[in-house]
């Protein structure tokens, strides 16, 4: 499954909000430096979808707030 993700780094708390069908807003505490925010996005999505982190990959938008994420079932 592919999901469109909008990331908001440097948030007070980490959380996920659904903003549409297959669209999520992911707020992370981590700063957007040294791939920290991307790592936290993958970690939060793995808990949300209840899949191992290895099954989640960022297809596009590694350096952008708008990402396309692939989640393998």
PDB file of N, CA and C in Angstrom:
ATOM      1  N   UNK A   1       0.842  -1.161   0.000  1.00  0.00           N
ATOM      2  CA  UNK A   1       0.000   0.000   0.000  1.00  0.00           C
ATOM      3  C   UNK A   1       0.898   1.239   0.000  1.00  0.00           C
ATOM      4  N   UNK A   2       0.527   2.223  -0.780  1.00  0.00           N
ATOM      5  CA  UNK A   2       1.245   3.489  -0.797  1.00  0.00           C
ATOM      6  C   UNK A   2       0.416   4.544  -0.075  1.00  0.00           C
ATOM      7  N   UNK A   3       1.096   5.348   0.730  1.00  0.00           N
ATOM      8  CA  UNK A   3       0.434   6.372   1.524  1.00  0.00           C
ATOM      9  C   UNK A   3       1.151   7.695   1.303  1.00  0.00           C
ATOM     10  N   UNK A   4       0.377   8.750   1.137  1.00  0.00           N
ATOM     11  CA  UNK A   4       0.945  10.097   1.042  1.00  0.00           C
ATOM     12  C   UNK A   4       1.067  10.643   2.461  1.00  0.00           C
ATOM     13  N   UNK A   5       2.262  11.122   2.805  1.00  0.00           N
ATOM     14  CA  UNK A   5       2.539  11.572   4.167  1.00  0.00           C
ATOM     15  C   UNK A   5       3.072  12.994   4.136  1.00  0.00           C
ATOM     16  N   UNK A   6       2.474  13.848   4.957  1.00  0.00           N
ATOM     17  CA  UNK A   6       2.997  15.201   5.158  1.00  0.00           C
ATOM     18  C   UNK A   6       3.631  15.225   6.538  1.00  0.00           C
ATOM     19  N   UNK A   7       4.877  15.637   6.614  1.00  0.00           N
ATOM     20  CA  UNK A   7       5.629  15.577   7.867  1.00  0.00           C
ATOM     21  C   UNK A   7       5.771  16.971   8.456  1.00  0.00           C
ATOM     22  N   UNK A   8       5.540  17.068   9.748  1.00  0.00           N
ATOM     23  CA  UNK A   8       5.756  18.315  10.476  1.00  0.00           C
ATOM     24  C   UNK A   8       6.824  18.043  11.542  1.00  0.00           C
ATOM     25  N   UNK A   9       8.090  18.392  11.262  1.00  0.00           N
ATOM     26  CA  UNK A   9       9.160  18.150  12.239  1.00  0.00           C
ATOM     27  C   UNK A   9       9.127  19.173  13.375  1.00  0.00           C
ATOM     28  N   UNK A  10       9.893  18.904  14.412  1.00  0.00           N
ATOM     29  CA  UNK A  10      10.028  19.778  15.583  1.00  0.00           C
ATOM     30  C   UNK A  10       8.702  20.042  16.285  1.00  0.00           C
ATOM     31  N   UNK A  11       7.811  19.055  16.324  1.00  0.00           N
ATOM     32  CA  UNK A  11       6.530  19.194  17.004  1.00  0.00           C
ATOM     33  C   UNK A  11       6.693  18.907  18.489  1.00  0.00           C
ATOM     34  N   UNK A  12       5.721  19.321  19.259  1.00  0.00           N
ATOM     35  CA  UNK A  12       5.785  19.071  20.708  1.00  0.00           C
ATOM     36  C   UNK A  12       5.653  17.594  21.040  1.00  0.00           C
ATOM     37  N   UNK A  13       4.797  16.899  20.269  1.00  0.00           N
ATOM     38  CA  UNK A  13       4.622  15.466  20.502  1.00  0.00           C
ATOM     39  C   UNK A  13       4.485  14.750  19.171  1.00  0.00           C
ATOM     40  N   UNK A  14       4.827  13.490  19.168  1.00  0.00           N
ATOM     41  CA  UNK A  14       4.733  12.681  17.954  1.00  0.00           C
ATOM     42  C   UNK A  14       3.330  12.107  17.855  1.00  0.00           C
ATOM     43  N   UNK A  15       2.696  12.318  16.703  1.00  0.00           N
ATOM     44  CA  UNK A  15       1.352  11.790  16.499  1.00  0.00           C
ATOM     45  C   UNK A  15       1.015  11.733  15.020  1.00  0.00           C
ATOM     46  N   UNK A  16      -0.057  10.997  14.709  1.00  0.00           N
ATOM     47  CA  UNK A  16      -0.519  10.849  13.330  1.00  0.00           C
ATOM     48  C   UNK A  16      -1.955  11.325  13.253  1.00  0.00           C
ATOM     49  N   UNK A  17      -2.248  12.105  12.203  1.00  0.00           N
ATOM     50  CA  UNK A  17      -3.618  12.545  11.938  1.00  0.00           C
ATOM     51  C   UNK A  17      -3.976  12.148  10.517  1.00  0.00           C
ATOM     52  N   UNK A  18      -5.170  11.618  10.333  1.00  0.00           N
ATOM     53  CA  UNK A  18      -5.648  11.306   8.986  1.00  0.00           C
ATOM     54  C   UNK A  18      -6.240  12.581   8.402  1.00  0.00           C
ATOM     55  N   UNK A  19      -5.758  12.985   7.208  1.00  0.00           N
ATOM     56  CA  UNK A  19      -6.270  14.185   6.570  1.00  0.00           C
ATOM     57  C   UNK A  19      -7.033  13.874   5.293  1.00  0.00           C
ATOM     58  N   UNK A  20      -7.120  12.610   4.958  1.00  0.00           N
ATOM     59  CA  UNK A  20      -7.849  12.181   3.776  1.00  0.00           C
ATOM     60  C   UNK A  20      -7.627  10.704   3.550  1.00  0.00           C
ATOM     61  N   UNK A  21      -8.250  10.168   2.484  1.00  0.00           N
ATOM     62  CA  UNK A  21      -8.018   8.756   2.193  1.00  0.00           C
ATOM     63  C   UNK A  21      -6.571   8.541   1.744  1.00  0.00           C
ATOM     64  N   UNK A  22      -5.875   7.681   2.456  1.00  0.00           N
ATOM     65  CA  UNK A  22      -4.459   7.390   2.195  1.00  0.00           C
ATOM     66  C   UNK A  22      -3.570   8.629   2.283  1.00  0.00           C
ATOM     67  N   UNK A  23      -3.974   9.595   3.096  1.00  0.00           N
ATOM     68  CA  UNK A  23      -3.162  10.784   3.355  1.00  0.00           C
ATOM     69  C   UNK A  23      -3.061  10.976   4.863  1.00  0.00           C
ATOM     70  N   UNK A  24      -1.832  11.137   5.338  1.00  0.00           N
ATOM     71  CA  UNK A  24      -1.592  11.287   6.762  1.00  0.00           C
ATOM     72  C   UNK A  24      -0.735  12.510   7.036  1.00  0.00           C
ATOM     73  N   UNK A  25      -0.985  13.138   8.181  1.00  0.00           N
ATOM     74  CA  UNK A  25      -0.106  14.173   8.702  1.00  0.00           C
ATOM     75  C   UNK A  25       0.630  13.542   9.866  1.00  0.00           C
ATOM     76  N   UNK A  26       1.948  13.475   9.771  1.00  0.00           N
ATOM     77  CA  UNK A  26       2.757  12.862  10.821  1.00  0.00           C
ATOM     78  C   UNK A  26       3.576  13.952  11.489  1.00  0.00           C
ATOM     79  N   UNK A  27       3.308  14.182  12.767  1.00  0.00           N
ATOM     80  CA  UNK A  27       4.062  15.163  13.548  1.00  0.00           C
ATOM     81  C   UNK A  27       5.144  14.409  14.308  1.00  0.00           C
ATOM     82  N   UNK A  28       6.382  14.877  14.190  1.00  0.00           N
ATOM     83  CA  UNK A  28       7.499  14.225  14.862  1.00  0.00           C
ATOM     84  C   UNK A  28       8.270  15.242  15.690  1.00  0.00           C
ATOM     85  N   UNK A  29       8.850  14.772  16.786  1.00  0.00           N
ATOM     86  CA  UNK A  29       9.663  15.628  17.651  1.00  0.00           C
ATOM     87  C   UNK A  29      11.032  15.915  17.050  1.00  0.00           C
ATOM     88  N   UNK A  30      11.521  15.004  16.229  1.00  0.00           N
ATOM     89  CA  UNK A  30      12.881  15.087  15.699  1.00  0.00           C
ATOM     90  C   UNK A  30      13.039  16.254  14.729  1.00  0.00           C
ATOM     91  N   UNK A  31      14.238  16.830  14.685  1.00  0.00           N
ATOM     92  CA  UNK A  31      14.511  17.894  13.712  1.00  0.00           C
ATOM     93  C   UNK A  31      14.769  17.293  12.328  1.00  0.00           C
ATOM     94  N   UNK A  32      14.594  18.093  11.286  1.00  0.00           N
ATOM     95  CA  UNK A  32      14.796  17.573   9.927  1.00  0.00           C
ATOM     96  C   UNK A  32      16.266  17.562   9.515  1.00  0.00           C
ATOM     97  N   UNK A  33      17.118  17.088  10.390  1.00  0.00           N
ATOM     98  CA  UNK A  33      18.550  17.029  10.110  1.00  0.00           C
ATOM     99  C   UNK A  33      19.056  15.610  10.277  1.00  0.00           C
ATOM    100  N   UNK A  34      20.036  15.254   9.464  1.00  0.00           N
ATOM    101  CA  UNK A  34      20.730  13.971   9.557  1.00  0.00           C
ATOM    102  C   UNK A  34      19.764  12.784   9.536  1.00  0.00           C
ATOM    103  N   UNK A  35      18.680  12.917   8.784  1.00  0.00           N
ATOM    104  CA  UNK A  35      17.715  11.840   8.576  1.00  0.00           C
ATOM    105  C   UNK A  35      16.974  11.430   9.848  1.00  0.00           C
ATOM    106  N   UNK A  36      17.011  12.263  10.891  1.00  0.00           N
ATOM    107  CA  UNK A  36      16.357  11.920  12.152  1.00  0.00           C
ATOM    108  C   UNK A  36      14.839  11.918  12.022  1.00  0.00           C
ATOM    109  N   UNK A  37      14.287  12.921  11.331  1.00  0.00           N
ATOM    110  CA  UNK A  37      12.832  12.996  11.182  1.00  0.00           C
ATOM    111  C   UNK A  37      12.313  11.817  10.359  1.00  0.00           C
ATOM    112  N   UNK A  38      13.030  11.448   9.296  1.00  0.00           N
ATOM    113  CA  UNK A  38      12.609  10.304   8.483  1.00  0.00           C
ATOM    114  C   UNK A  38      12.590   9.020   9.306  1.00  0.00           C
ATOM    115  N   UNK A  39      13.591   8.839  10.134  1.00  0.00           N
ATOM    116  CA  UNK A  39      13.642   7.657  10.992  1.00  0.00           C
ATOM    117  C   UNK A  39      12.473   7.608  11.960  1.00  0.00           C
ATOM    118  N   UNK A  40      12.126   8.765  12.508  1.00  0.00           N
ATOM    119  CA  UNK A  40      11.003   8.807  13.442  1.00  0.00           C
ATOM    120  C   UNK A  40       9.669   8.602  12.714  1.00  0.00           C
ATOM    121  N   UNK A  41       9.565   9.103  11.488  1.00  0.00           N
ATOM    122  CA  UNK A  41       8.357   8.872  10.686  1.00  0.00           C
ATOM    123  C   UNK A  41       8.158   7.377  10.471  1.00  0.00           C
ATOM    124  N   UNK A  42       9.208   6.675  10.092  1.00  0.00           N
ATOM    125  CA  UNK A  42       9.112   5.232   9.872  1.00  0.00           C
ATOM    126  C   UNK A  42       8.739   4.512  11.163  1.00  0.00           C
ATOM    127  N   UNK A  43       9.315   4.931  12.273  1.00  0.00           N
ATOM    128  CA  UNK A  43       9.017   4.303  13.555  1.00  0.00           C
ATOM    129  C   UNK A  43       7.554   4.504  13.957  1.00  0.00           C
ATOM    130  N   UNK A  44       7.047   5.717  13.786  1.00  0.00           N
ATOM    131  CA  UNK A  44       5.659   6.013  14.146  1.00  0.00           C
ATOM    132  C   UNK A  44       4.687   5.258  13.237  1.00  0.00           C
ATOM    133  N   UNK A  45       4.995   5.227  11.937  1.00  0.00           N
ATOM    134  CA  UNK A  45       4.123   4.507  11.003  1.00  0.00           C
ATOM    135  C   UNK A  45       4.111   3.008  11.286  1.00  0.00           C
ATOM    136  N   UNK A  46       5.246   2.456  11.725  1.00  0.00           N
ATOM    137  CA  UNK A  46       5.281   1.022  12.031  1.00  0.00           C
ATOM    138  C   UNK A  46       4.375   0.699  13.219  1.00  0.00           C
ATOM    139  N   UNK A  47       4.320   1.586  14.192  1.00  0.00           N
ATOM    140  CA  UNK A  47       3.423   1.372  15.330  1.00  0.00           C
ATOM    141  C   UNK A  47       1.961   1.572  14.915  1.00  0.00           C
ATOM    142  N   UNK A  48       1.703   2.563  14.076  1.00  0.00           N
ATOM    143  CA  UNK A  48       0.339   2.878  13.643  1.00  0.00           C
ATOM    144  C   UNK A  48      -0.263   1.746  12.816  1.00  0.00           C
ATOM    145  N   UNK A  49       0.516   1.208  11.879  1.00  0.00           N
ATOM    146  CA  UNK A  49       0.032   0.139  11.010  1.00  0.00           C
ATOM    147  C   UNK A  49       0.344  -1.256  11.546  1.00  0.00           C
ATOM    148  N   UNK A  50       1.067  -1.338  12.667  1.00  0.00           N
ATOM    149  CA  UNK A  50       1.424  -2.600  13.317  1.00  0.00           C
ATOM    150  C   UNK A  50       2.187  -3.536  12.383  1.00  0.00           C
ATOM    151  N   UNK A  51       3.222  -2.986  11.753  1.00  0.00           N
ATOM    152  CA  UNK A  51       4.124  -3.764  10.898  1.00  0.00           C
ATOM    153  C   UNK A  51       5.555  -3.459  11.324  1.00  0.00           C
ATOM    154  N   UNK A  52       6.500  -4.362  11.051  1.00  0.00           N
ATOM    155  CA  UNK A  52       7.900  -4.087  11.384  1.00  0.00           C
ATOM    156  C   UNK A  52       8.435  -2.896  10.577  1.00  0.00           C
ATOM    157  N   UNK A  53       9.399  -2.197  11.143  1.00  0.00           N
ATOM    158  CA  UNK A  53       9.989  -1.029  10.463  1.00  0.00           C
ATOM    159  C   UNK A  53      10.622  -1.413   9.135  1.00  0.00           C
ATOM    160  N   UNK A  54      11.096  -2.627   9.015  1.00  0.00           N
ATOM    161  CA  UNK A  54      11.738  -3.075   7.775  1.00  0.00           C
ATOM    162  C   UNK A  54      10.758  -3.139   6.608  1.00  0.00           C
ATOM    163  N   UNK A  55       9.475  -3.178   6.889  1.00  0.00           N
ATOM    164  CA  UNK A  55       8.468  -3.252   5.830  1.00  0.00           C
ATOM    165  C   UNK A  55       7.978  -1.879   5.378  1.00  0.00           C
ATOM    166  N   UNK A  56       8.558  -0.825   5.914  1.00  0.00           N
ATOM    167  CA  UNK A  56       8.171   0.531   5.541  1.00  0.00           C
ATOM    168  C   UNK A  56       9.355   1.204   4.867  1.00  0.00           C
ATOM    169  N   UNK A  57       9.100   1.802   3.708  1.00  0.00           N
ATOM    170  CA  UNK A  57      10.169   2.520   3.002  1.00  0.00           C
ATOM    171  C   UNK A  57       9.616   3.805   2.405  1.00  0.00           C
ATOM    172  N   UNK A  58      10.470   4.808   2.344  1.00  0.00           N
ATOM    173  CA  UNK A  58      10.105   6.093   1.752  1.00  0.00           C
ATOM    174  C   UNK A  58      10.472   6.033   0.276  1.00  0.00           C
ATOM    175  N   UNK A  59       9.452   6.096  -0.583  1.00  0.00           N
ATOM    176  CA  UNK A  59       9.685   6.003  -2.023  1.00  0.00           C
ATOM    177  C   UNK A  59      10.150   7.325  -2.615  1.00  0.00           C
ATOM    178  N   UNK A  60       9.557   8.425  -2.172  1.00  0.00           N
ATOM    179  CA  UNK A  60       9.967   9.730  -2.687  1.00  0.00           C
ATOM    180  C   UNK A  60       9.807  10.774  -1.596  1.00  0.00           C
ATOM    181  N   UNK A  61      10.580  11.837  -1.698  1.00  0.00           N
ATOM    182  CA  UNK A  61      10.499  12.931  -0.746  1.00  0.00           C
ATOM    183  C   UNK A  61      11.402  12.798   0.454  1.00  0.00           C
ATOM    184  N   UNK A  62      12.567  12.183   0.283  1.00  0.00           N
ATOM    185  CA  UNK A  62      13.476  12.021   1.426  1.00  0.00           C
ATOM    186  C   UNK A  62      13.862  13.354   2.059  1.00  0.00           C
ATOM    187  N   UNK A  63      13.999  14.393   1.261  1.00  0.00           N
ATOM    188  CA  UNK A  63      14.402  15.701   1.781  1.00  0.00           C
ATOM    189  C   UNK A  63      13.257  16.708   1.728  1.00  0.00           C
ATOM    190  N   UNK A  64      12.038  16.208   1.665  1.00  0.00           N
ATOM    191  CA  UNK A  64      10.862  17.058   1.560  1.00  0.00           C
ATOM    192  C   UNK A  64       9.895  16.744   2.693  1.00  0.00           C
ATOM    193  N   UNK A  65       8.990  17.662   2.975  1.00  0.00           N
ATOM    194  CA  UNK A  65       7.962  17.389   3.977  1.00  0.00           C
ATOM    195  C   UNK A  65       6.854  16.518   3.413  1.00  0.00           C
ATOM    196  N   UNK A  66       6.693  16.542   2.113  1.00  0.00           N
ATOM    197  CA  UNK A  66       5.684  15.703   1.432  1.00  0.00           C
ATOM    198  C   UNK A  66       6.367  14.441   0.958  1.00  0.00           C
ATOM    199  N   UNK A  67       5.902  13.270   1.423  1.00  0.00           N
ATOM    200  CA  UNK A  67       6.550  11.999   1.109  1.00  0.00           C
ATOM    201  C   UNK A  67       5.528  10.994   0.598  1.00  0.00           C
ATOM    202  N   UNK A  68       6.019  10.018  -0.143  1.00  0.00           N
ATOM    203  CA  UNK A  68       5.225   8.854  -0.512  1.00  0.00           C
ATOM    204  C   UNK A  68       5.899   7.667   0.152  1.00  0.00           C
ATOM    205  N   UNK A  69       5.132   6.960   0.966  1.00  0.00           N
ATOM    206  CA  UNK A  69       5.663   5.865   1.766  1.00  0.00           C
ATOM    207  C   UNK A  69       4.993   4.564   1.326  1.00  0.00           C
ATOM    208  N   UNK A  70       5.798   3.523   1.196  1.00  0.00           N
ATOM    209  CA  UNK A  70       5.291   2.194   0.839  1.00  0.00           C
ATOM    210  C   UNK A  70       5.276   1.344   2.105  1.00  0.00           C
ATOM    211  N   UNK A  71       4.111   0.719   2.360  1.00  0.00           N
ATOM    212  CA  UNK A  71       3.962  -0.147   3.514  1.00  0.00           C
ATOM    213  C   UNK A  71       3.589  -1.527   2.994  1.00  0.00           C
ATOM    214  N   UNK A  72       4.475  -2.500   3.232  1.00  0.00           N
ATOM    215  CA  UNK A  72       4.235  -3.873   2.784  1.00  0.00           C
ATOM    216  C   UNK A  72       3.428  -4.618   3.840  1.00  0.00           C
ATOM    217  N   UNK A  73       2.438  -5.346   3.386  1.00  0.00           N
ATOM    218  CA  UNK A  73       1.601  -6.122   4.316  1.00  0.00           C
ATOM    219  C   UNK A  73       2.250  -7.422   4.698  1.00  0.00           C
TER     220      UNK A  73
END
